Amino acid sequence: MPVHEHDSGRIDGPYDVSFRPLAESDLPALMRWLADPEVVAFYGDPPATLDEARQDYVEPDTESPTRRYVIEWDEPGRGRRDVGEVQWHHPYADPSTHWSAGIDILIGDSGARGHGVGVEAIRVMLAYLFEERRVHRVIIDPEVGNQRAIHVYERAGFHRDGVVRHAAFEHGEYVDTQYLTILEDEWPYARAQWEAER
């Protein structure tokens, strides 16, 4: 079943996760999610003010445009609700590198964690990037200590490529990141796994 992008920028997944473009009205929820202790542990301190969040998440960055979305989860028995944020970008400033995309995700609503929402959201984003945007490679680079996230990414089809030493600066110290990728020729197998799990 395909992923569908609407003219509004909304991306509908084939099952129970969809994305809509992040708007300024989403900033209070985003700030709550970013302040969650489990999120702070791997993302660092959240924006201190609404203006700071607006600059970081809503105002366009012309050098490396990032497309940001709110993750909507159609929770069984409760209906659709906002549970996190996902984003993608070309990881290099040079637009000719359209063949590669970097992604990041956070499930900010603690009640949505542990229900497969993260892996479903990653799979929807991969389907969109490989099938609609026609990228060749997708990259994600969580901190090495974020084993829960690394497990989710591997379940979605990513492979560990290596550790990048001191790639991020969090909580006053440099931390290593785990570099994971999935290639377009690996996506059909990962997609088949996704469909088999449904």
C-alpha atoms as a PDB file:
ATOM      1  CA  MET A   1       0.000   0.000   0.000  1.00  0.00           C
ATOM      2  CA  PRO A   2       1.549   3.345  -1.000  1.00  0.00           C
ATOM      3  CA  VAL A   3       2.289   6.448   1.014  1.00  0.00           C
ATOM      4  CA  HIS A   4       0.437   9.514  -0.274  1.00  0.00           C
ATOM      5  CA  GLU A   5       1.561  13.159  -0.155  1.00  0.00           C
ATOM      6  CA  HIS A   6      -1.190  15.786  -0.419  1.00  0.00           C
ATOM      7  CA  ASP A   7      -0.803  19.269  -1.918  1.00  0.00           C
ATOM      8  CA  SER A   8      -0.950  20.589   1.660  1.00  0.00           C
ATOM      9  CA  GLY A   9       2.247  18.685   2.459  1.00  0.00           C
ATOM     10  CA  ARG A  10       0.417  16.092   4.553  1.00  0.00           C
ATOM     11  CA  ILE A  11       1.796  12.559   4.184  1.00  0.00           C
ATOM     12  CA  ASP A  12      -0.616   9.687   4.812  1.00  0.00           C
ATOM     13  CA  GLY A  13       0.863   6.343   5.736  1.00  0.00           C
ATOM     14  CA  PRO A  14      -0.840   3.093   4.758  1.00  0.00           C
ATOM     15  CA  TYR A  15      -1.751   2.121   8.314  1.00  0.00           C
ATOM     16  CA  ASP A  16      -2.102   4.158  11.522  1.00  0.00           C
ATOM     17  CA  VAL A  17       0.620   6.846  11.295  1.00  0.00           C
ATOM     18  CA  SER A  18       0.506  10.013   9.185  1.00  0.00           C
ATOM     19  CA  PHE A  19       2.427  13.291   9.115  1.00  0.00           C
ATOM     20  CA  ARG A  20       1.321  16.877   8.727  1.00  0.00           C
ATOM     21  CA  PRO A  21       3.648  19.852   8.295  1.00  0.00           C
ATOM     22  CA  LEU A  22       4.743  21.349  11.608  1.00  0.00           C
ATOM     23  CA  ALA A  23       3.047  24.715  12.190  1.00  0.00           C
ATOM     24  CA  GLU A  24       3.630  27.497  14.674  1.00  0.00           C
ATOM     25  CA  SER A  25       0.514  26.350  16.550  1.00  0.00           C
ATOM     26  CA  ASP A  26       2.330  23.044  17.281  1.00  0.00           C
ATOM     27  CA  LEU A  27       5.170  24.739  19.186  1.00  0.00           C
ATOM     28  CA  PRO A  28       3.651  24.445  22.706  1.00  0.00           C
ATOM     29  CA  ALA A  29       3.255  20.666  22.265  1.00  0.00           C
ATOM     30  CA  LEU A  30       6.719  20.384  20.718  1.00  0.00           C
ATOM     31  CA  MET A  31       8.237  22.273  23.656  1.00  0.00           C
ATOM     32  CA  ARG A  32       6.496  19.860  26.095  1.00  0.00           C
ATOM     33  CA  TRP A  33       7.845  16.874  24.171  1.00  0.00           C
ATOM     34  CA  LEU A  34      11.370  18.303  24.064  1.00  0.00           C
ATOM     35  CA  ALA A  35      11.236  18.892  27.844  1.00  0.00           C
ATOM     36  CA  ASP A  36      10.398  15.241  28.592  1.00  0.00           C
ATOM     37  CA  PRO A  37      13.340  13.750  30.574  1.00  0.00           C
ATOM     38  CA  GLU A  38      13.673  10.767  28.196  1.00  0.00           C
ATOM     39  CA  VAL A  39      13.919  13.163  25.241  1.00  0.00           C
ATOM     40  CA  VAL A  40      16.282  15.580  27.017  1.00  0.00           C
ATOM     41  CA  ALA A  41      18.645  12.668  27.712  1.00  0.00           C
ATOM     42  CA  PHE A  42      19.387  12.338  23.988  1.00  0.00           C
ATOM     43  CA  TYR A  43      18.346  15.674  22.451  1.00  0.00           C
ATOM     44  CA  GLY A  44      19.788  18.062  25.009  1.00  0.00           C
ATOM     45  CA  ASP A  45      18.046  21.008  26.578  1.00  0.00           C
ATOM     46  CA  PRO A  46      14.824  22.171  24.909  1.00  0.00           C
ATOM     47  CA  PRO A  47      14.315  25.697  23.577  1.00  0.00           C
ATOM     48  CA  ALA A  48      13.917  28.079  26.521  1.00  0.00           C
ATOM     49  CA  THR A  49      11.253  30.273  24.913  1.00  0.00           C
ATOM     50  CA  LEU A  50       8.568  30.104  22.273  1.00  0.00           C
ATOM     51  CA  ASP A  51      10.618  32.533  20.148  1.00  0.00           C
ATOM     52  CA  GLU A  52      13.631  30.216  20.342  1.00  0.00           C
ATOM     53  CA  ALA A  53      11.461  27.234  19.339  1.00  0.00           C
ATOM     54  CA  ARG A  54      10.026  29.255  16.443  1.00  0.00           C
ATOM     55  CA  GLN A  55      13.542  30.042  15.168  1.00  0.00           C
ATOM     56  CA  ASP A  56      14.686  26.432  15.544  1.00  0.00           C
ATOM     57  CA  TYR A  57      11.618  24.638  14.189  1.00  0.00           C
ATOM     58  CA  VAL A  58       9.370  26.890  12.109  1.00  0.00           C
ATOM     59  CA  GLU A  59      11.393  29.626  10.421  1.00  0.00           C
ATOM     60  CA  PRO A  60      13.011  28.375   7.205  1.00  0.00           C
ATOM     61  CA  ASP A  61      16.737  27.700   7.014  1.00  0.00           C
ATOM     62  CA  THR A  62      17.769  28.540   3.457  1.00  0.00           C
ATOM     63  CA  GLU A  63      21.199  26.876   3.724  1.00  0.00           C
ATOM     64  CA  SER A  64      19.936  23.424   4.678  1.00  0.00           C
ATOM     65  CA  PRO A  65      16.155  23.329   4.488  1.00  0.00           C
ATOM     66  CA  THR A  66      14.636  20.794   6.832  1.00  0.00           C
ATOM     67  CA  ARG A  67      11.085  19.581   6.348  1.00  0.00           C
ATOM     68  CA  ARG A  68       9.430  19.038   9.722  1.00  0.00           C
ATOM     69  CA  TYR A  69       6.216  17.162  10.438  1.00  0.00           C
ATOM     70  CA  VAL A  70       4.003  16.347  13.393  1.00  0.00           C
ATOM     71  CA  ILE A  71       3.460  12.604  13.782  1.00  0.00           C
ATOM     72  CA  GLU A  72      -0.236  11.745  14.040  1.00  0.00           C
ATOM     73  CA  TRP A  73      -1.107   8.345  15.491  1.00  0.00           C
ATOM     74  CA  ASP A  74      -4.531   6.763  15.061  1.00  0.00           C
ATOM     75  CA  GLU A  75      -4.465   5.025  18.428  1.00  0.00           C
ATOM     76  CA  PRO A  76      -6.825   2.045  18.684  1.00  0.00           C
ATOM     77  CA  GLY A  77      -9.828   2.998  20.801  1.00  0.00           C
ATOM     78  CA  ARG A  78      -8.742   6.642  21.227  1.00  0.00           C
ATOM     79  CA  GLY A  79      -8.560   8.069  17.729  1.00  0.00           C
ATOM     80  CA  ARG A  80      -6.012  10.302  16.044  1.00  0.00           C
ATOM     81  CA  ARG A  81      -3.633  12.367  18.166  1.00  0.00           C
ATOM     82  CA  ASP A  82      -0.299  14.166  17.858  1.00  0.00           C
ATOM     83  CA  VAL A  83       2.544  12.183  19.432  1.00  0.00           C
ATOM     84  CA  GLY A  84       5.851  13.481  18.088  1.00  0.00           C
ATOM     85  CA  GLU A  85       7.917  15.074  15.364  1.00  0.00           C
ATOM     86  CA  VAL A  86       9.798  13.699  12.366  1.00  0.00           C
ATOM     87  CA  GLN A  87      11.992  15.576   9.920  1.00  0.00           C
ATOM     88  CA  TRP A  88      14.081  15.051   6.845  1.00  0.00           C
ATOM     89  CA  HIS A  89      16.716  17.075   5.031  1.00  0.00           C
ATOM     90  CA  HIS A  90      19.482  16.758   2.503  1.00  0.00           C
ATOM     91  CA  PRO A  91      22.497  16.312   4.779  1.00  0.00           C
ATOM     92  CA  TYR A  92      24.810  18.449   2.696  1.00  0.00           C
ATOM     93  CA  ALA A  93      24.356  22.088   1.698  1.00  0.00           C
ATOM     94  CA  ASP A  94      24.953  21.192  -1.958  1.00  0.00           C
ATOM     95  CA  PRO A  95      21.516  20.601  -3.565  1.00  0.00           C
ATOM     96  CA  SER A  96      23.073  18.201  -6.069  1.00  0.00           C
ATOM     97  CA  THR A  97      23.180  15.631  -3.248  1.00  0.00           C
ATOM     98  CA  HIS A  98      19.450  15.016  -3.666  1.00  0.00           C
ATOM     99  CA  TRP A  99      20.241  11.305  -3.717  1.00  0.00           C
ATOM    100  CA  SER A 100      20.798  11.275   0.045  1.00  0.00           C
ATOM    101  CA  ALA A 101      18.489  12.276   2.914  1.00  0.00           C
ATOM    102  CA  GLY A 102      18.992  12.515   6.663  1.00  0.00           C
ATOM    103  CA  ILE A 103      16.108  11.958   9.066  1.00  0.00           C
ATOM    104  CA  ASP A 104      15.402  12.439  12.752  1.00  0.00           C
ATOM    105  CA  ILE A 105      12.446  11.517  14.923  1.00  0.00           C
ATOM    106  CA  LEU A 106      11.147  11.913  18.437  1.00  0.00           C
ATOM    107  CA  ILE A 107       8.139  10.316  20.048  1.00  0.00           C
ATOM    108  CA  GLY A 108       7.413  13.042  22.564  1.00  0.00           C
ATOM    109  CA  ASP A 109       4.172  11.686  23.991  1.00  0.00           C
ATOM    110  CA  SER A 110       5.322   9.140  26.567  1.00  0.00           C
ATOM    111  CA  GLY A 111       1.974   7.324  26.265  1.00  0.00           C
ATOM    112  CA  ALA A 112       2.782   6.508  22.632  1.00  0.00           C
ATOM    113  CA  ARG A 113       6.163   4.926  23.380  1.00  0.00           C
ATOM    114  CA  GLY A 114       6.363   1.157  23.345  1.00  0.00           C
ATOM    115  CA  HIS A 115       3.433   0.758  20.935  1.00  0.00           C
ATOM    116  CA  GLY A 116       5.367   0.557  17.649  1.00  0.00           C
ATOM    117  CA  VAL A 117       4.646   4.171  16.700  1.00  0.00           C
ATOM    118  CA  GLY A 118       8.337   4.999  16.238  1.00  0.00           C
ATOM    119  CA  VAL A 119       9.080   2.128  13.875  1.00  0.00           C
ATOM    120  CA  GLU A 120       5.840   2.812  11.973  1.00  0.00           C
ATOM    121  CA  ALA A 121       6.737   6.509  11.594  1.00  0.00           C
ATOM    122  CA  ILE A 122      10.245   5.645  10.389  1.00  0.00           C
ATOM    123  CA  ARG A 123       8.791   3.231   7.832  1.00  0.00           C
ATOM    124  CA  VAL A 124       6.308   5.835   6.553  1.00  0.00           C
ATOM    125  CA  MET A 125       9.163   8.334   6.152  1.00  0.00           C
ATOM    126  CA  LEU A 126      11.330   5.746   4.378  1.00  0.00           C
ATOM    127  CA  ALA A 127       8.469   4.888   2.005  1.00  0.00           C
ATOM    128  CA  TYR A 128       8.012   8.580   1.260  1.00  0.00           C
ATOM    129  CA  LEU A 129      11.717   9.235   0.682  1.00  0.00           C
ATOM    130  CA  PHE A 130      12.394   6.133  -1.422  1.00  0.00           C
ATOM    131  CA  GLU A 131       9.120   5.916  -3.346  1.00  0.00           C
ATOM    132  CA  GLU A 132       8.129   9.576  -3.742  1.00  0.00           C
ATOM    133  CA  ARG A 133      11.374  11.560  -3.465  1.00  0.00           C
ATOM    134  CA  ARG A 134      13.484   8.834  -5.122  1.00  0.00           C
ATOM    135  CA  VAL A 135      16.496   9.156  -2.831  1.00  0.00           C
ATOM    136  CA  HIS A 136      19.248   6.547  -2.948  1.00  0.00           C
ATOM    137  CA  ARG A 137      20.274   6.547   0.721  1.00  0.00           C
ATOM    138  CA  VAL A 138      18.740   7.566   4.051  1.00  0.00           C
ATOM    139  CA  ILE A 139      20.907   8.354   7.077  1.00  0.00           C
ATOM    140  CA  ILE A 140      20.131   8.566  10.799  1.00  0.00           C
ATOM    141  CA  ASP A 141      22.680   9.134  13.559  1.00  0.00           C
ATOM    142  CA  PRO A 142      21.463   8.712  17.150  1.00  0.00           C
ATOM    143  CA  GLU A 143      23.780   8.895  20.135  1.00  0.00           C
ATOM    144  CA  VAL A 144      25.404   5.501  20.770  1.00  0.00           C
ATOM    145  CA  GLY A 145      23.765   5.343  24.193  1.00  0.00           C
ATOM    146  CA  ASN A 146      20.285   5.528  22.677  1.00  0.00           C
ATOM    147  CA  GLN A 147      19.979   1.779  22.226  1.00  0.00           C
ATOM    148  CA  ARG A 148      16.172   1.861  22.214  1.00  0.00           C
ATOM    149  CA  ALA A 149      16.201   4.134  19.149  1.00  0.00           C
ATOM    150  CA  ILE A 150      18.948   2.127  17.427  1.00  0.00           C
ATOM    151  CA  HIS A 151      16.837  -1.026  17.860  1.00  0.00           C
ATOM    152  CA  VAL A 152      13.831   0.753  16.287  1.00  0.00           C
ATOM    153  CA  TYR A 153      15.928   1.940  13.320  1.00  0.00           C
ATOM    154  CA  GLU A 154      17.337  -1.537  12.711  1.00  0.00           C
ATOM    155  CA  ARG A 155      13.837  -3.020  12.902  1.00  0.00           C
ATOM    156  CA  ALA A 156      12.781  -0.517  10.203  1.00  0.00           C
ATOM    157  CA  GLY A 157      15.631  -1.690   7.932  1.00  0.00           C
ATOM    158  CA  PHE A 158      18.651   0.467   8.789  1.00  0.00           C
ATOM    159  CA  HIS A 159      22.152  -1.021   9.027  1.00  0.00           C
ATOM    160  CA  ARG A 160      24.954   0.135  11.310  1.00  0.00           C
ATOM    161  CA  ASP A 161      27.754   1.736   9.313  1.00  0.00           C
ATOM    162  CA  GLY A 162      29.963   2.781  12.199  1.00  0.00           C
ATOM    163  CA  VAL A 163      30.461   5.100  15.125  1.00  0.00           C
ATOM    164  CA  VAL A 164      31.302   8.756  14.591  1.00  0.00           C
ATOM    165  CA  ARG A 165      33.379   9.879  17.553  1.00  0.00           C
ATOM    166  CA  HIS A 166      32.472  13.129  19.312  1.00  0.00           C
ATOM    167  CA  ALA A 167      29.874  13.969  16.667  1.00  0.00           C
ATOM    168  CA  ALA A 168      27.500  15.769  19.039  1.00  0.00           C
ATOM    169  CA  PHE A 169      27.814  18.007  22.075  1.00  0.00           C
ATOM    170  CA  GLU A 170      25.176  17.285  24.728  1.00  0.00           C
ATOM    171  CA  HIS A 171      24.996  18.214  28.399  1.00  0.00           C
ATOM    172  CA  GLY A 172      28.442  19.802  28.369  1.00  0.00           C
ATOM    173  CA  GLU A 173      30.343  16.931  26.771  1.00  0.00           C
ATOM    174  CA  TYR A 174      31.077  15.415  23.391  1.00  0.00           C
ATOM    175  CA  VAL A 175      29.237  12.195  22.582  1.00  0.00           C
ATOM    176  CA  ASP A 176      29.620   9.576  19.878  1.00  0.00           C
ATOM    177  CA  THR A 177      26.856   8.842  17.389  1.00  0.00           C
ATOM    178  CA  GLN A 178      25.912   5.588  15.683  1.00  0.00           C
ATOM    179  CA  TYR A 179      25.770   6.124  11.921  1.00  0.00           C
ATOM    180  CA  LEU A 180      23.031   4.008  10.327  1.00  0.00           C
ATOM    181  CA  THR A 181      21.909   3.918   6.694  1.00  0.00           C
ATOM    182  CA  ILE A 182      19.477   2.146   4.422  1.00  0.00           C
ATOM    183  CA  LEU A 183      19.886   2.085   0.633  1.00  0.00           C
ATOM    184  CA  GLU A 184      17.157   2.126  -1.995  1.00  0.00           C
ATOM    185  CA  ASP A 185      17.871  -1.469  -3.046  1.00  0.00           C
ATOM    186  CA  GLU A 186      17.429  -2.570   0.602  1.00  0.00           C
ATOM    187  CA  TRP A 187      14.067  -0.828   0.926  1.00  0.00           C
ATOM    188  CA  PRO A 188      11.923  -3.469  -0.878  1.00  0.00           C
ATOM    189  CA  TYR A 189      13.025  -6.101   1.655  1.00  0.00           C
ATOM    190  CA  ALA A 190      12.394  -3.720   4.585  1.00  0.00           C
ATOM    191  CA  ARG A 191       8.979  -2.825   3.113  1.00  0.00           C
ATOM    192  CA  ALA A 192       8.087  -6.509   2.752  1.00  0.00           C
ATOM    193  CA  GLN A 193       8.994  -7.015   6.426  1.00  0.00           C
ATOM    194  CA  TRP A 194       6.720  -4.080   7.341  1.00  0.00           C
ATOM    195  CA  GLU A 195       3.807  -5.552   5.392  1.00  0.00           C
ATOM    196  CA  ALA A 196       4.420  -9.021   6.860  1.00  0.00           C
ATOM    197  CA  GLU A 197       4.188  -7.563  10.379  1.00  0.00           C
ATOM    198  CA  ARG A 198       0.783  -6.022   9.623  1.00  0.00           C
END
